[in-house]
């Protein structure tokens, strides 16, 4: 079995400095000896067989179970060698490519995200302990790609810049009704309400996030203007001036793209604007990573733009602006990973070692995918009409500069804005 694995690794690793110890204790070296030395030990024959059959799933699972150890380097540096040798659109050897083809063929079955199944999928990931997420997220608990206007930004500054960037693209006007699909822990909705004199309805399927967001709105005295509901977006009937959705579209599933955009089109007023912020892939359509689908985001899928745009067109919406964020999520994940590792002992007070290793691989693997594979983030601005927004996108930059003047560290934490109007219409979940 050593010989079989040796052949696979030797064909893959042409550059770099990788040492591999097999279960029988023998060690071999791969690559041209350049760069950081990475030493990986496979401790059981079970893990070795599994890695030969399905490396995309078996490597992270072996790490989770303690059957694979990284003796020199870490998960990120180990994946760097693999990804830099593979290139962004390769899946390894012929067998791995064939297995990936099967997963692509079955992806629609894995993404039958009915309302009930969607809620169960959300519970799996987002209903973990809020104390756990506080160990590595920013103060506002933004669990999506930050926006690094400068490379030296802190995570808090970059997450505030993300909210500012989205607000500028929404082109908000006082008194407007805003829908936040997938409202998370409420930070974006609270930020929009307190800074732009708008009323916000946030919908989520996570009971934990809903509870946190509702408490935050109440504590800040914003519950007359920001209302969070435990509700599937497909059940909404209201009309809104603006819709924003950040980090939720990855859970829709390719089977439901038509439903998603047709529903959003029906929820927008004729002069409405929507901004969709989602992870995407720069390459062609593929399958969800096997480890991510099984252990992290069941039912999730990262789309190529070629899968998204046709459904937007058929829903009768104009794409009024498109932006691709490339390394921003890699940097966001770097901050999360470093904070997670710094608080790993505290993670173990909440969950066990297997869970900690699973999340360690998830955070490092996600960062690696954004640095060396084809992952990116897209922001699509949509509208039912082509004349709703200014003719050039200069207004986005100008608005960001104006918003930045009144942003402060307190704003990023959700402090009440003094300018909030007491006369605004109370937001409810009704029409």
Protein backbone atom coordinates (compact mmCIF):
# COMPACT_ATOMS: atom_id res chain seq x y z
CA UNK A 1 0.00 0.00 0.00
CA UNK A 2 2.97 2.29 0.62
CA UNK A 3 3.93 1.88 -3.03
CA UNK A 4 0.47 2.89 -4.24
CA UNK A 5 0.39 6.02 -2.09
CA UNK A 6 3.98 6.80 -3.00
CA UNK A 7 3.03 6.82 -6.69
CA UNK A 8 0.10 9.16 -6.11
CA UNK A 9 2.07 11.63 -3.97
CA UNK A 10 5.13 11.54 -6.24
CA UNK A 11 3.02 12.48 -9.28
CA UNK A 12 1.34 15.29 -7.34
CA UNK A 13 4.18 16.91 -5.38
CA UNK A 14 6.84 18.14 -7.82
CA UNK A 15 7.78 21.31 -5.93
CA UNK A 16 8.03 21.97 -2.20
CA UNK A 17 9.44 19.97 0.67
CA UNK A 18 7.13 17.21 1.94
CA UNK A 19 8.04 14.28 4.17
CA UNK A 20 5.48 11.48 4.58
CA UNK A 21 5.64 8.83 7.28
CA UNK A 22 3.58 5.70 6.65
CA UNK A 23 1.83 3.59 9.31
CA UNK A 24 4.74 1.12 9.34
CA UNK A 25 7.11 3.92 10.37
CA UNK A 26 8.99 4.39 7.10
CA UNK A 27 9.43 7.95 5.84
CA UNK A 28 9.78 9.22 2.27
CA UNK A 29 10.48 12.68 0.91
CA UNK A 30 8.73 14.41 -2.00
CA UNK A 31 9.22 17.63 -3.97
CA UNK A 32 12.31 19.56 -4.96
CA UNK A 33 13.28 20.49 -1.39
CA UNK A 34 12.31 24.15 -1.69
CA UNK A 35 10.31 26.10 0.86
CA UNK A 36 9.11 25.19 4.33
CA UNK A 37 9.53 21.57 5.35
CA UNK A 38 6.20 19.83 5.96
CA UNK A 39 6.16 16.46 7.71
CA UNK A 40 2.93 14.45 7.72
CA UNK A 41 2.45 11.11 9.49
CA UNK A 42 -0.34 8.68 8.60
CA UNK A 43 -0.80 6.65 11.77
CA UNK A 44 -3.20 3.87 10.71
CA UNK A 45 -3.63 1.58 7.72
CA UNK A 46 -7.32 2.46 7.77
CA UNK A 47 -6.51 6.11 7.12
CA UNK A 48 -3.98 5.16 4.44
CA UNK A 49 -6.56 3.07 2.54
CA UNK A 50 -9.18 5.80 2.85
CA UNK A 51 -6.79 8.48 1.57
CA UNK A 52 -5.94 6.35 -1.46
CA UNK A 53 -9.63 5.92 -2.26
CA UNK A 54 -10.95 9.45 -1.56
CA UNK A 55 -8.32 11.99 -0.46
CA UNK A 56 -10.69 15.00 -0.50
CA UNK A 57 -12.77 13.44 2.26
CA UNK A 58 -10.30 11.09 3.95
CA UNK A 59 -7.44 13.53 4.64
CA UNK A 60 -9.52 15.94 6.76
CA UNK A 61 -11.40 13.06 8.40
CA UNK A 62 -8.12 11.34 9.30
CA UNK A 63 -6.92 14.63 10.80
CA UNK A 64 -10.18 14.96 12.76
CA UNK A 65 -9.81 11.47 14.19
CA UNK A 66 -6.14 11.83 15.04
CA UNK A 67 -5.14 9.25 12.42
CA UNK A 68 -3.11 11.86 10.53
CA UNK A 69 -0.71 14.19 12.28
CA UNK A 70 1.26 17.15 10.96
CA UNK A 71 4.60 16.89 12.73
CA UNK A 72 6.21 19.89 11.03
CA UNK A 73 4.21 22.79 9.62
CA UNK A 74 0.46 23.09 9.98
CA UNK A 75 -2.71 22.37 8.02
CA UNK A 76 -2.42 25.54 5.93
CA UNK A 77 1.18 24.93 4.88
CA UNK A 78 0.38 21.28 4.11
CA UNK A 79 -2.52 22.31 1.85
CA UNK A 80 -0.35 24.97 0.23
CA UNK A 81 1.98 22.30 -1.13
CA UNK A 82 -0.95 20.26 -2.44
CA UNK A 83 -2.84 23.15 -4.03
CA UNK A 84 0.18 24.88 -5.57
CA UNK A 85 1.20 21.62 -7.23
CA UNK A 86 -2.32 20.83 -8.41
CA UNK A 87 -3.27 24.24 -9.76
CA UNK A 88 -6.65 25.91 -9.22
CA UNK A 89 -8.80 23.67 -11.43
CA UNK A 90 -7.33 20.23 -10.86
CA UNK A 91 -8.64 17.45 -8.62
CA UNK A 92 -5.53 15.26 -8.56
CA UNK A 93 -5.13 11.85 -10.16
CA UNK A 94 -7.48 10.13 -12.58
CA UNK A 95 -9.37 8.33 -9.80
CA UNK A 96 -9.93 11.52 -7.83
CA UNK A 97 -11.18 13.22 -10.99
CA UNK A 98 -13.58 10.35 -11.66
CA UNK A 99 -14.89 10.52 -8.10
CA UNK A 100 -15.37 14.27 -8.47
CA UNK A 101 -17.37 13.67 -11.65
CA UNK A 102 -19.70 11.36 -9.75
CA UNK A 103 -20.18 14.01 -7.07
CA UNK A 104 -20.99 16.62 -9.71
CA UNK A 105 -23.59 14.25 -11.19
CA UNK A 106 -25.18 13.75 -7.75
CA UNK A 107 -25.02 17.35 -6.55
CA UNK A 108 -28.68 18.15 -7.23
CA UNK A 109 -29.71 15.24 -5.02
CA UNK A 110 -27.53 16.60 -2.20
CA UNK A 111 -29.09 20.07 -2.55
CA UNK A 112 -32.79 19.34 -2.21
CA UNK A 113 -33.17 22.17 0.27
CA UNK A 114 -36.84 22.23 1.17
CA UNK A 115 -37.91 24.56 3.96
CA UNK A 116 -37.64 21.75 6.53
CA UNK A 117 -34.32 20.48 5.25
CA UNK A 118 -32.92 24.01 5.04
CA UNK A 119 -33.72 24.58 8.70
CA UNK A 120 -32.01 21.31 9.68
CA UNK A 121 -28.94 22.24 7.63
CA UNK A 122 -28.77 25.65 9.31
CA UNK A 123 -29.10 24.10 12.76
CA UNK A 124 -26.10 21.87 12.03
CA UNK A 125 -23.73 24.83 11.68
CA UNK A 126 -25.23 28.07 12.94
CA UNK A 127 -26.88 26.81 16.10
CA UNK A 128 -23.55 26.02 17.72
CA UNK A 129 -22.78 27.87 20.94
CA UNK A 130 -22.65 31.64 20.56
CA UNK A 131 -19.73 31.61 23.00
CA UNK A 132 -17.85 29.45 20.51
CA UNK A 133 -18.29 31.92 17.66
CA UNK A 134 -17.26 34.80 19.88
CA UNK A 135 -13.85 33.14 20.27
CA UNK A 136 -12.82 33.99 16.70
CA UNK A 137 -15.25 36.42 15.07
CA UNK A 138 -15.07 40.21 15.32
CA UNK A 139 -16.99 42.12 17.99
CA UNK A 140 -20.05 42.45 15.74
CA UNK A 141 -20.02 38.69 15.00
CA UNK A 142 -19.86 39.14 11.24
CA UNK A 143 -19.57 35.61 9.84
CA UNK A 144 -18.87 36.47 6.21
CA UNK A 145 -16.12 37.94 4.05
CA UNK A 146 -14.70 41.22 5.34
CA UNK A 147 -13.62 44.05 3.03
CA UNK A 148 -9.97 45.05 3.37
CA UNK A 149 -9.72 48.57 2.01
CA UNK A 150 -6.14 48.52 3.32
CA UNK A 151 -3.99 45.45 3.97
CA UNK A 152 -3.18 46.61 7.51
CA UNK A 153 -6.82 46.75 8.62
CA UNK A 154 -7.87 44.91 11.75
CA UNK A 155 -10.68 42.38 11.40
CA UNK A 156 -13.07 44.79 13.14
CA UNK A 157 -12.14 47.60 10.73
CA UNK A 158 -12.51 45.36 7.68
CA UNK A 159 -15.91 44.05 8.77
CA UNK A 160 -17.11 47.61 9.32
CA UNK A 161 -15.80 48.47 5.85
CA UNK A 162 -17.81 45.53 4.45
CA UNK A 163 -21.02 46.88 5.96
CA UNK A 164 -20.17 50.33 4.64
CA UNK A 165 -19.49 48.91 1.16
CA UNK A 166 -22.82 47.08 1.09
CA UNK A 167 -24.71 50.12 2.36
CA UNK A 168 -23.21 52.29 -0.39
CA UNK A 169 -24.32 49.81 -3.04
CA UNK A 170 -27.84 49.71 -1.61
CA UNK A 171 -28.14 53.48 -2.22
CA UNK A 172 -30.36 53.84 0.85
CA UNK A 173 -32.88 56.63 1.37
CA UNK A 174 -34.50 57.65 4.71
CA UNK A 175 -37.70 55.82 5.56
CA UNK A 176 -37.09 52.86 3.26
CA UNK A 177 -38.05 49.29 4.13
CA UNK A 178 -35.10 46.89 3.98
CA UNK A 179 -35.13 43.08 3.97
CA UNK A 180 -32.05 41.19 5.16
CA UNK A 181 -32.24 37.56 3.98
CA UNK A 182 -30.06 35.44 6.23
CA UNK A 183 -29.60 38.10 8.89
CA UNK A 184 -27.13 36.18 11.06
CA UNK A 185 -26.46 37.69 14.47
CA UNK A 186 -28.07 40.94 13.35
CA UNK A 187 -25.03 43.17 12.90
CA UNK A 188 -25.76 44.35 9.37
CA UNK A 189 -29.44 45.04 10.00
CA UNK A 190 -28.65 47.00 13.14
CA UNK A 191 -25.95 48.96 11.33
CA UNK A 192 -28.30 49.95 8.49
CA UNK A 193 -31.14 50.97 10.80
CA UNK A 194 -29.04 53.10 13.10
CA UNK A 195 -27.04 54.87 10.41
CA UNK A 196 -29.45 55.35 7.48
CA UNK A 197 -32.89 56.05 8.99
CA UNK A 198 -34.38 52.88 7.48
CA UNK A 199 -36.49 50.07 8.90
CA UNK A 200 -35.14 46.53 8.63
CA UNK A 201 -36.71 43.08 8.66
CA UNK A 202 -34.16 40.31 9.08
CA UNK A 203 -35.07 36.66 8.47
CA UNK A 204 -33.02 33.66 9.53
CA UNK A 205 -33.48 29.92 10.09
CA UNK A 206 -31.08 29.78 13.02
CA UNK A 207 -32.74 29.87 16.44
CA UNK A 208 -29.44 30.79 18.09
CA UNK A 209 -28.75 33.68 15.72
CA UNK A 210 -32.34 34.86 15.94
CA UNK A 211 -32.16 34.98 19.74
CA UNK A 212 -28.88 36.91 19.73
CA UNK A 213 -30.06 39.38 17.08
CA UNK A 214 -33.37 40.02 18.84
CA UNK A 215 -31.63 40.63 22.17
CA UNK A 216 -29.21 43.05 20.51
CA UNK A 217 -32.02 45.06 18.92
CA UNK A 218 -33.82 45.28 22.26
CA UNK A 219 -30.69 46.19 24.22
CA UNK A 220 -29.88 48.98 21.76
CA UNK A 221 -33.41 50.37 21.77
CA UNK A 222 -33.77 49.60 18.06
CA UNK A 223 -36.53 47.01 18.26
CA UNK A 224 -39.06 49.47 16.81
CA UNK A 225 -36.96 49.75 13.67
CA UNK A 226 -35.21 46.38 13.37
CA UNK A 227 -37.23 43.21 13.63
CA UNK A 228 -35.80 39.70 13.30
CA UNK A 229 -37.94 36.68 12.47
CA UNK A 230 -37.28 32.95 12.46
CA UNK A 231 -38.64 32.53 8.97
CA UNK A 232 -37.88 31.08 5.54
CA UNK A 233 -37.56 33.79 2.88
CA UNK A 234 -39.90 31.78 0.66
CA UNK A 235 -42.83 32.51 3.00
CA UNK A 236 -42.51 36.32 2.70
CA UNK A 237 -45.21 38.32 0.93
CA UNK A 238 -44.22 41.93 1.72
CA UNK A 239 -42.65 44.42 -0.71
CA UNK A 240 -39.36 46.12 0.10
CA UNK A 241 -37.38 49.08 -1.18
CA UNK A 242 -34.11 47.27 -0.62
CA UNK A 243 -33.01 43.67 -0.15
CA UNK A 244 -29.59 42.57 1.05
CA UNK A 245 -28.36 39.02 1.48
CA UNK A 246 -24.89 38.24 2.79
CA UNK A 247 -23.51 34.71 3.12
CA UNK A 248 -26.90 33.03 2.73
CA UNK A 249 -26.97 32.21 -0.98
CA UNK A 250 -24.38 29.45 -0.47
CA UNK A 251 -27.14 27.50 1.32
CA UNK A 252 -29.82 27.87 -1.36
CA UNK A 253 -28.65 25.03 -3.60
CA UNK A 254 -28.55 24.95 -7.37
CA UNK A 255 -32.01 23.34 -7.53
CA UNK A 256 -33.56 26.44 -5.97
CA UNK A 257 -31.87 29.33 -7.78
CA UNK A 258 -34.91 30.00 -9.94
CA UNK A 259 -37.16 30.09 -6.86
CA UNK A 260 -34.74 32.37 -5.02
CA UNK A 261 -34.49 35.05 -7.70
CA UNK A 262 -38.15 34.93 -8.69
CA UNK A 263 -39.07 35.38 -5.03
CA UNK A 264 -36.63 38.26 -4.60
CA UNK A 265 -38.04 39.90 -7.75
CA UNK A 266 -41.56 39.64 -6.33
CA UNK A 267 -40.45 41.13 -3.00
CA UNK A 268 -38.77 44.17 -4.57
CA UNK A 269 -40.72 47.31 -5.30
CA UNK A 270 -40.49 48.51 -8.93
CA UNK A 271 -37.69 50.92 -8.08
CA UNK A 272 -36.08 48.56 -5.59
CA UNK A 273 -32.45 47.48 -5.33
CA UNK A 274 -30.96 44.21 -4.12
CA UNK A 275 -27.34 43.42 -3.23
CA UNK A 276 -26.34 39.76 -3.10
CA UNK A 277 -23.02 38.87 -1.44
CA UNK A 278 -21.97 35.24 -1.84
CA UNK A 279 -19.01 32.91 -2.16
CA UNK A 280 -18.54 31.79 -5.73
CA UNK A 281 -16.05 29.91 -7.85
CA UNK A 282 -14.01 31.41 -10.66
CA UNK A 283 -13.91 28.08 -12.48
CA UNK A 284 -16.71 26.03 -14.02
CA UNK A 285 -19.52 24.41 -12.00
CA UNK A 286 -18.36 21.66 -9.66
CA UNK A 287 -19.47 19.74 -6.58
CA UNK A 288 -19.30 20.83 -2.98
CA UNK A 289 -16.11 19.69 -1.28
CA UNK A 290 -16.89 16.29 0.26
CA UNK A 291 -15.58 17.20 3.72
CA UNK A 292 -17.47 20.51 3.78
CA UNK A 293 -20.72 18.89 2.64
CA UNK A 294 -20.56 16.06 5.18
CA UNK A 295 -19.24 17.83 8.26
CA UNK A 296 -19.60 21.62 7.93
CA UNK A 297 -22.34 22.80 5.55
CA UNK A 298 -24.76 20.01 4.57
CA UNK A 299 -26.83 21.09 1.61
CA UNK A 300 -24.42 23.92 0.79
CA UNK A 301 -23.06 24.72 -2.64
CA UNK A 302 -20.64 27.28 -4.07
CA UNK A 303 -21.85 28.36 -7.52
CA UNK A 304 -20.09 29.51 -10.63
CA UNK A 305 -21.49 32.77 -12.00
CA UNK A 306 -22.54 30.88 -15.13
CA UNK A 307 -25.07 29.02 -12.95
CA UNK A 308 -26.43 32.16 -11.30
CA UNK A 309 -26.84 34.76 -14.04
CA UNK A 310 -29.35 32.84 -16.22
CA UNK A 311 -31.81 32.66 -13.30
CA UNK A 312 -31.43 36.38 -12.62
CA UNK A 313 -32.23 37.11 -16.26
CA UNK A 314 -35.28 34.82 -16.25
CA UNK A 315 -36.56 36.48 -13.07
CA UNK A 316 -36.70 39.81 -14.91
CA UNK A 317 -33.95 41.52 -12.92
CA UNK A 318 -31.18 43.73 -14.26
CA UNK A 319 -27.62 43.11 -13.07
CA UNK A 320 -26.68 46.73 -12.40
CA UNK A 321 -23.27 46.12 -10.85
CA UNK A 322 -20.89 43.18 -10.39
CA UNK A 323 -17.81 43.05 -8.19
CA UNK A 324 -15.43 40.17 -7.51
CA UNK A 325 -13.59 40.10 -4.19
CA UNK A 326 -10.55 37.85 -4.56
CA UNK A 327 -8.21 37.65 -1.59
CA UNK A 328 -10.52 39.39 0.89
CA UNK A 329 -11.96 36.14 2.22
CA UNK A 330 -8.53 34.53 2.49
CA UNK A 331 -7.50 37.40 4.75
CA UNK A 332 -10.76 37.17 6.71
CA UNK A 333 -10.20 33.47 7.26
CA UNK A 334 -6.60 34.10 8.30
CA UNK A 335 -7.85 36.34 11.09
CA UNK A 336 -10.47 33.77 12.12
CA UNK A 337 -7.96 30.90 12.05
CA UNK A 338 -5.39 32.80 14.11
CA UNK A 339 -8.00 33.79 16.69
CA UNK A 340 -9.37 30.25 16.76
CA UNK A 341 -5.92 28.76 17.37
CA UNK A 342 -5.15 31.37 20.03
CA UNK A 343 -8.36 30.35 21.82
CA UNK A 344 -8.15 26.61 21.13
CA UNK A 345 -8.07 25.75 24.85
CA UNK A 346 -11.32 27.65 25.30
CA UNK A 347 -12.84 25.79 22.33
CA UNK A 348 -12.05 22.55 24.20
CA UNK A 349 -13.98 23.83 27.20
CA UNK A 350 -17.09 23.94 24.99
CA UNK A 351 -16.51 21.05 22.57
CA UNK A 352 -14.11 18.11 22.29
CA UNK A 353 -10.77 17.56 20.54
CA UNK A 354 -12.37 16.01 17.46
CA UNK A 355 -14.55 19.08 16.98
CA UNK A 356 -11.57 21.41 17.43
CA UNK A 357 -9.54 19.50 14.83
CA UNK A 358 -12.50 19.52 12.43
CA UNK A 359 -12.82 23.30 12.70
CA UNK A 360 -9.07 23.79 12.48
CA UNK A 361 -9.07 21.94 9.16
CA UNK A 362 -12.20 23.75 7.97
CA UNK A 363 -10.78 27.23 8.62
CA UNK A 364 -7.34 26.42 7.18
CA UNK A 365 -8.83 24.54 4.22
CA UNK A 366 -11.17 27.41 3.40
CA UNK A 367 -8.34 29.93 3.57
CA UNK A 368 -6.23 27.72 1.30
CA UNK A 369 -9.08 27.44 -1.22
CA UNK A 370 -9.34 31.23 -1.47
CA UNK A 371 -5.56 31.67 -1.75
CA UNK A 372 -4.61 28.86 -4.12
CA UNK A 373 -7.80 27.46 -5.64
CA UNK A 374 -10.73 29.00 -7.52
CA UNK A 375 -12.81 30.37 -4.64
CA UNK A 376 -13.83 34.05 -4.64
CA UNK A 377 -16.70 36.26 -3.45
CA UNK A 378 -19.11 38.05 -5.77
CA UNK A 379 -21.37 40.97 -5.03
CA UNK A 380 -24.25 41.39 -7.48
CA UNK A 381 -26.42 44.50 -7.46
CA UNK A 382 -29.87 43.84 -8.96
CA UNK A 383 -32.92 45.91 -9.79
CA UNK A 384 -36.23 45.45 -11.66
CA UNK A 385 -35.44 48.62 -13.64
CA UNK A 386 -32.32 49.86 -15.43
CA UNK A 387 -32.82 53.51 -14.45
CA UNK A 388 -33.15 53.21 -10.67
CA UNK A 389 -29.50 53.87 -9.86
CA UNK A 390 -27.04 56.59 -10.99
CA UNK A 391 -25.49 56.15 -14.44
CA UNK A 392 -21.94 55.60 -13.18
CA UNK A 393 -20.73 53.66 -10.16
CA UNK A 394 -18.91 56.70 -8.76
CA UNK A 395 -21.78 57.13 -6.30
CA UNK A 396 -20.61 53.98 -4.49
CA UNK A 397 -17.18 55.41 -3.74
CA UNK A 398 -18.60 58.82 -2.82
CA UNK A 399 -21.16 57.26 -0.49
CA UNK A 400 -18.50 55.13 1.21
CA UNK A 401 -16.40 58.21 1.91
CA UNK A 402 -19.37 60.04 3.40
CA UNK A 403 -20.37 57.03 5.51
CA UNK A 404 -16.77 56.58 6.71
CA UNK A 405 -16.81 60.11 8.13
CA UNK A 406 -19.54 59.17 10.58
CA UNK A 407 -18.50 55.58 11.19
CA UNK A 408 -16.68 54.91 14.43
CA UNK A 409 -15.55 51.92 16.51
CA UNK A 410 -18.81 52.29 18.44
CA UNK A 411 -20.79 51.90 15.21
CA UNK A 412 -19.07 48.60 14.43
CA UNK A 413 -20.28 47.28 17.80
CA UNK A 414 -23.85 48.30 17.13
CA UNK A 415 -24.11 51.42 19.32
CA UNK A 416 -27.30 53.42 18.78
CA UNK A 417 -27.04 56.29 16.34
CA UNK A 418 -28.11 59.61 17.77
CA UNK A 419 -29.68 60.57 14.48
CA UNK A 420 -32.22 57.72 14.50
CA UNK A 421 -35.70 59.04 13.94
CA UNK A 422 -38.35 58.20 16.53
CA UNK A 423 -41.07 58.79 13.97
CA UNK A 424 -40.19 55.97 11.61
CA UNK A 425 -42.75 53.30 10.93
CA UNK A 426 -42.38 50.27 13.15
CA UNK A 427 -41.15 47.18 11.29
CA UNK A 428 -43.23 44.03 11.59
CA UNK A 429 -43.35 40.80 9.72
CA UNK A 430 -46.64 41.84 8.14
CA UNK A 431 -47.34 43.68 4.92
